[in-house]
Every structure is written in C-alpha cells, then in structure tokens.
Amino acid sequence: MKLSPVNLMHLAPRCTAKSKRSGFQCKAPAVRGKKVCRMHGARGGAPCGSLHGRYVHGKQTRKAIEARRETRDLIQKALQLLASIEI
C-alpha cells in the first residue's frame, strides 16, 4: 500500500510550541529537521548585517559590539596595571 503525501504528513513529528493562552501544544507538523512548525519560526528570521532591510550604519552589529567589548576590557586591564604600578 503506497502512502500519499497527505498521509505522510500525518506521520510527521508535531510542533513543540505551546499556546500562552490555553497551554495546549500546536498540532501542526514540524518542519523537517526542526522542532517547530513554519508558523512558529522554523524558517523565520531576517538576514544579518547589511543584507537586513533595516541596516543603517552597523553600530549595533555583533562584530561592532564585540569590538567595543574587547576595547573596554583592554582599557580596564591597562587602568588596573597603572594602578598597581603607582606607589
């Protein structure tokens, strides 16, 4: 007996998302390789960086934030070193 694609969908794992209001689990089939369905964000999200539609200047990108964090850590270490050298 050959199963049609509609019948195969019934055998698919279910979405693990739960409703905030009722607490019931979503009964839609999960996207292949994911734990949630397409309505709950399995393939969602915008591209990163300059490919994003609201990208303006890059000040809040992950790379810029990490660079500022590293700079701040270096400055703090330098100030601690200067404080330990002074008599």
N, C-alpha and C. Protein backbone atom coordinates (compact mmCIF):
# COMPACT_ATOMS: atom_id res chain seq x y z
N MET A 1 0.84 -1.18 0.00
CA MET A 1 0.00 0.00 0.00
C MET A 1 0.89 1.24 0.00
N LYS A 2 0.74 2.08 -1.02
CA LYS A 2 1.54 3.30 -1.13
C LYS A 2 0.83 4.44 -0.41
N LEU A 3 1.62 5.16 0.42
CA LEU A 3 1.05 6.28 1.17
C LEU A 3 1.15 7.56 0.34
N SER A 4 0.09 8.32 0.32
CA SER A 4 0.11 9.59 -0.39
C SER A 4 0.81 10.64 0.48
N PRO A 5 1.26 11.76 -0.12
CA PRO A 5 1.94 12.81 0.67
C PRO A 5 1.08 13.34 1.81
N VAL A 6 -0.23 13.36 1.63
CA VAL A 6 -1.12 13.83 2.69
C VAL A 6 -1.06 12.88 3.88
N ASN A 7 -1.04 11.58 3.61
CA ASN A 7 -0.95 10.60 4.69
C ASN A 7 0.41 10.64 5.37
N LEU A 8 1.48 10.92 4.61
CA LEU A 8 2.82 11.02 5.21
C LEU A 8 2.91 12.20 6.17
N MET A 9 2.16 13.27 5.87
CA MET A 9 2.17 14.43 6.76
C MET A 9 1.60 14.08 8.13
N HIS A 10 0.66 13.16 8.16
CA HIS A 10 0.09 12.76 9.44
C HIS A 10 1.09 11.99 10.30
N LEU A 11 2.09 11.40 9.66
CA LEU A 11 3.10 10.65 10.40
C LEU A 11 4.26 11.53 10.87
N ALA A 12 4.30 12.78 10.42
CA ALA A 12 5.40 13.69 10.75
C ALA A 12 5.37 14.04 12.24
N PRO A 13 6.55 14.35 12.83
CA PRO A 13 6.57 14.81 14.22
C PRO A 13 5.83 16.13 14.35
N ARG A 14 5.26 16.36 15.49
CA ARG A 14 4.44 17.55 15.73
C ARG A 14 5.26 18.69 16.29
N CYS A 15 4.77 19.89 16.10
CA CYS A 15 5.40 21.11 16.61
C CYS A 15 5.38 21.10 18.14
N THR A 16 6.47 21.55 18.75
CA THR A 16 6.56 21.52 20.22
C THR A 16 6.14 22.85 20.85
N ALA A 17 5.73 23.83 20.04
CA ALA A 17 5.31 25.13 20.58
C ALA A 17 3.99 24.97 21.34
N LYS A 18 3.85 25.77 22.40
CA LYS A 18 2.63 25.73 23.20
C LYS A 18 1.98 27.11 23.23
N SER A 19 0.67 27.12 23.33
CA SER A 19 -0.08 28.37 23.39
C SER A 19 0.06 28.99 24.76
N LYS A 20 0.26 30.32 24.79
CA LYS A 20 0.33 31.02 26.08
C LYS A 20 -1.03 31.04 26.75
N ARG A 21 -2.05 31.13 25.94
CA ARG A 21 -3.39 31.28 26.48
C ARG A 21 -3.97 29.97 26.99
N SER A 22 -3.95 28.93 26.15
CA SER A 22 -4.60 27.68 26.54
C SER A 22 -3.63 26.66 27.13
N GLY A 23 -2.34 26.76 26.78
CA GLY A 23 -1.36 25.80 27.27
C GLY A 23 -1.28 24.54 26.43
N PHE A 24 -2.10 24.45 25.37
CA PHE A 24 -2.09 23.26 24.52
C PHE A 24 -0.95 23.35 23.51
N GLN A 25 -0.44 22.19 23.12
CA GLN A 25 0.62 22.11 22.14
C GLN A 25 0.06 22.31 20.74
N CYS A 26 0.84 22.96 19.87
CA CYS A 26 0.45 23.14 18.48
C CYS A 26 0.43 21.76 17.81
N LYS A 27 -0.55 21.53 16.99
CA LYS A 27 -0.68 20.20 16.37
C LYS A 27 -0.23 20.18 14.92
N ALA A 28 0.38 21.26 14.44
CA ALA A 28 0.86 21.31 13.06
C ALA A 28 2.12 20.44 12.93
N PRO A 29 2.37 19.90 11.73
CA PRO A 29 3.60 19.12 11.55
C PRO A 29 4.84 20.01 11.62
N ALA A 30 5.89 19.53 12.28
CA ALA A 30 7.13 20.29 12.40
C ALA A 30 7.87 20.26 11.07
N VAL A 31 8.65 21.30 10.81
CA VAL A 31 9.47 21.36 9.61
C VAL A 31 10.57 20.31 9.75
N ARG A 32 10.94 19.68 8.65
CA ARG A 32 11.94 18.61 8.68
C ARG A 32 13.25 19.14 9.27
N GLY A 33 13.74 18.49 10.30
CA GLY A 33 14.98 18.88 10.96
C GLY A 33 14.81 19.92 12.05
N LYS A 34 13.59 20.40 12.28
CA LYS A 34 13.33 21.41 13.31
C LYS A 34 12.33 20.84 14.32
N LYS A 35 12.15 21.56 15.43
CA LYS A 35 11.19 21.11 16.44
C LYS A 35 9.87 21.85 16.37
N VAL A 36 9.82 22.92 15.54
CA VAL A 36 8.60 23.71 15.45
C VAL A 36 8.12 23.79 14.01
N CYS A 37 6.86 24.21 13.87
CA CYS A 37 6.26 24.31 12.54
C CYS A 37 6.64 25.64 11.89
N ARG A 38 6.22 25.84 10.66
CA ARG A 38 6.56 27.07 9.94
C ARG A 38 5.92 28.29 10.56
N MET A 39 4.76 28.13 11.22
CA MET A 39 4.09 29.27 11.84
C MET A 39 4.80 29.72 13.12
N HIS A 40 5.56 28.84 13.73
CA HIS A 40 6.22 29.16 15.00
C HIS A 40 7.71 29.41 14.84
N GLY A 41 8.17 29.71 13.63
CA GLY A 41 9.53 30.21 13.44
C GLY A 41 10.58 29.24 12.98
N ALA A 42 10.22 28.15 12.34
CA ALA A 42 11.23 27.20 11.91
C ALA A 42 12.14 27.78 10.84
N ARG A 43 11.62 28.59 9.97
CA ARG A 43 12.44 29.17 8.90
C ARG A 43 12.44 30.69 8.97
N GLY A 44 12.09 31.23 10.10
CA GLY A 44 11.97 32.68 10.22
C GLY A 44 13.29 33.36 10.46
N GLY A 45 13.22 34.66 10.55
CA GLY A 45 14.39 35.46 10.83
C GLY A 45 14.86 36.22 9.62
N ALA A 46 15.43 37.36 9.87
CA ALA A 46 15.94 38.21 8.80
C ALA A 46 17.43 37.94 8.62
N PRO A 47 17.98 38.28 7.46
CA PRO A 47 19.41 38.11 7.25
C PRO A 47 20.21 39.06 8.14
N CYS A 48 21.43 38.70 8.44
CA CYS A 48 22.29 39.51 9.32
C CYS A 48 23.06 40.54 8.51
N GLY A 49 23.43 41.62 9.17
CA GLY A 49 24.30 42.62 8.59
C GLY A 49 23.64 43.48 7.55
N SER A 50 24.42 43.85 6.53
CA SER A 50 23.94 44.79 5.52
C SER A 50 22.86 44.20 4.63
N LEU A 51 22.63 42.91 4.70
CA LEU A 51 21.55 42.29 3.92
C LEU A 51 20.18 42.53 4.56
N HIS A 52 20.17 42.92 5.84
CA HIS A 52 18.92 43.17 6.55
C HIS A 52 18.28 44.44 6.02
N GLY A 53 16.97 44.48 5.92
CA GLY A 53 16.26 45.62 5.37
C GLY A 53 16.39 46.89 6.18
N ARG A 54 16.60 46.80 7.49
CA ARG A 54 16.69 47.99 8.34
C ARG A 54 18.13 48.32 8.73
N TYR A 55 19.10 47.74 8.05
CA TYR A 55 20.51 48.03 8.33
C TYR A 55 20.81 49.47 7.95
N VAL A 56 21.42 50.25 8.87
CA VAL A 56 21.70 51.65 8.60
C VAL A 56 23.20 51.92 8.61
N HIS A 57 23.87 51.66 9.75
CA HIS A 57 25.26 52.07 9.88
C HIS A 57 26.17 51.00 10.46
N GLY A 58 25.66 49.97 11.06
CA GLY A 58 26.49 48.90 11.59
C GLY A 58 26.98 49.10 13.01
N LYS A 59 26.52 50.14 13.70
CA LYS A 59 26.98 50.41 15.06
C LYS A 59 26.54 49.32 16.03
N GLN A 60 25.40 48.71 15.79
CA GLN A 60 24.88 47.70 16.71
C GLN A 60 25.01 46.28 16.16
N THR A 61 25.90 46.05 15.21
CA THR A 61 26.12 44.70 14.71
C THR A 61 26.90 43.89 15.74
N ARG A 62 26.86 42.60 15.61
CA ARG A 62 27.57 41.74 16.57
C ARG A 62 29.06 42.01 16.57
N LYS A 63 29.62 42.23 15.38
CA LYS A 63 31.06 42.50 15.29
C LYS A 63 31.42 43.80 15.98
N ALA A 64 30.62 44.84 15.77
CA ALA A 64 30.91 46.14 16.39
C ALA A 64 30.78 46.07 17.91
N ILE A 65 29.76 45.38 18.40
CA ILE A 65 29.56 45.23 19.84
C ILE A 65 30.73 44.46 20.45
N GLU A 66 31.16 43.39 19.78
CA GLU A 66 32.28 42.59 20.28
C GLU A 66 33.57 43.42 20.28
N ALA A 67 33.78 44.22 19.25
CA ALA A 67 34.98 45.07 19.20
C ALA A 67 34.99 46.08 20.34
N ARG A 68 33.84 46.69 20.62
CA ARG A 68 33.75 47.64 21.75
C ARG A 68 33.99 46.93 23.07
N ARG A 69 33.48 45.73 23.21
CA ARG A 69 33.67 44.97 24.45
C ARG A 69 35.15 44.65 24.66
N GLU A 70 35.83 44.22 23.60
CA GLU A 70 37.26 43.91 23.71
C GLU A 70 38.07 45.16 24.04
N THR A 71 37.72 46.28 23.42
CA THR A 71 38.41 47.55 23.70
C THR A 71 38.21 47.96 25.15
N ARG A 72 36.98 47.84 25.65
CA ARG A 72 36.70 48.19 27.04
C ARG A 72 37.49 47.31 27.99
N ASP A 73 37.59 46.01 27.69
CA ASP A 73 38.36 45.11 28.55
C ASP A 73 39.84 45.47 28.56
N LEU A 74 40.37 45.84 27.38
CA LEU A 74 41.79 46.24 27.32
C LEU A 74 42.03 47.51 28.12
N ILE A 75 41.13 48.47 28.04
CA ILE A 75 41.27 49.71 28.80
C ILE A 75 41.22 49.43 30.29
N GLN A 76 40.30 48.58 30.73
CA GLN A 76 40.20 48.24 32.15
C GLN A 76 41.47 47.55 32.65
N LYS A 77 42.03 46.65 31.84
CA LYS A 77 43.27 45.97 32.23
C LYS A 77 44.43 46.97 32.30
N ALA A 78 44.48 47.91 31.36
CA ALA A 78 45.53 48.92 31.39
C ALA A 78 45.41 49.81 32.62
N LEU A 79 44.20 50.21 32.96
CA LEU A 79 44.00 51.05 34.15
C LEU A 79 44.37 50.28 35.42
N GLN A 80 44.05 49.00 35.49
CA GLN A 80 44.44 48.20 36.65
C GLN A 80 45.95 48.08 36.75
N LEU A 81 46.63 47.92 35.61
CA LEU A 81 48.07 47.82 35.59
C LEU A 81 48.69 49.13 36.05
N LEU A 82 48.16 50.26 35.58
CA LEU A 82 48.67 51.55 36.00
C LEU A 82 48.45 51.77 37.50
N ALA A 83 47.30 51.35 38.01
CA ALA A 83 47.01 51.49 39.43
C ALA A 83 47.95 50.65 40.28
N SER A 84 48.32 49.49 39.79
CA SER A 84 49.23 48.62 40.56
C SER A 84 50.68 49.13 40.50
N ILE A 85 51.04 49.87 39.44
CA ILE A 85 52.40 50.39 39.30
C ILE A 85 52.61 51.61 40.19
N GLU A 86 51.59 52.48 40.31
CA GLU A 86 51.74 53.71 41.11
C GLU A 86 51.97 53.37 42.57
N ILE A 87 52.82 54.20 43.20
CA ILE A 87 53.18 53.96 44.60
C ILE A 87 52.54 55.02 45.47
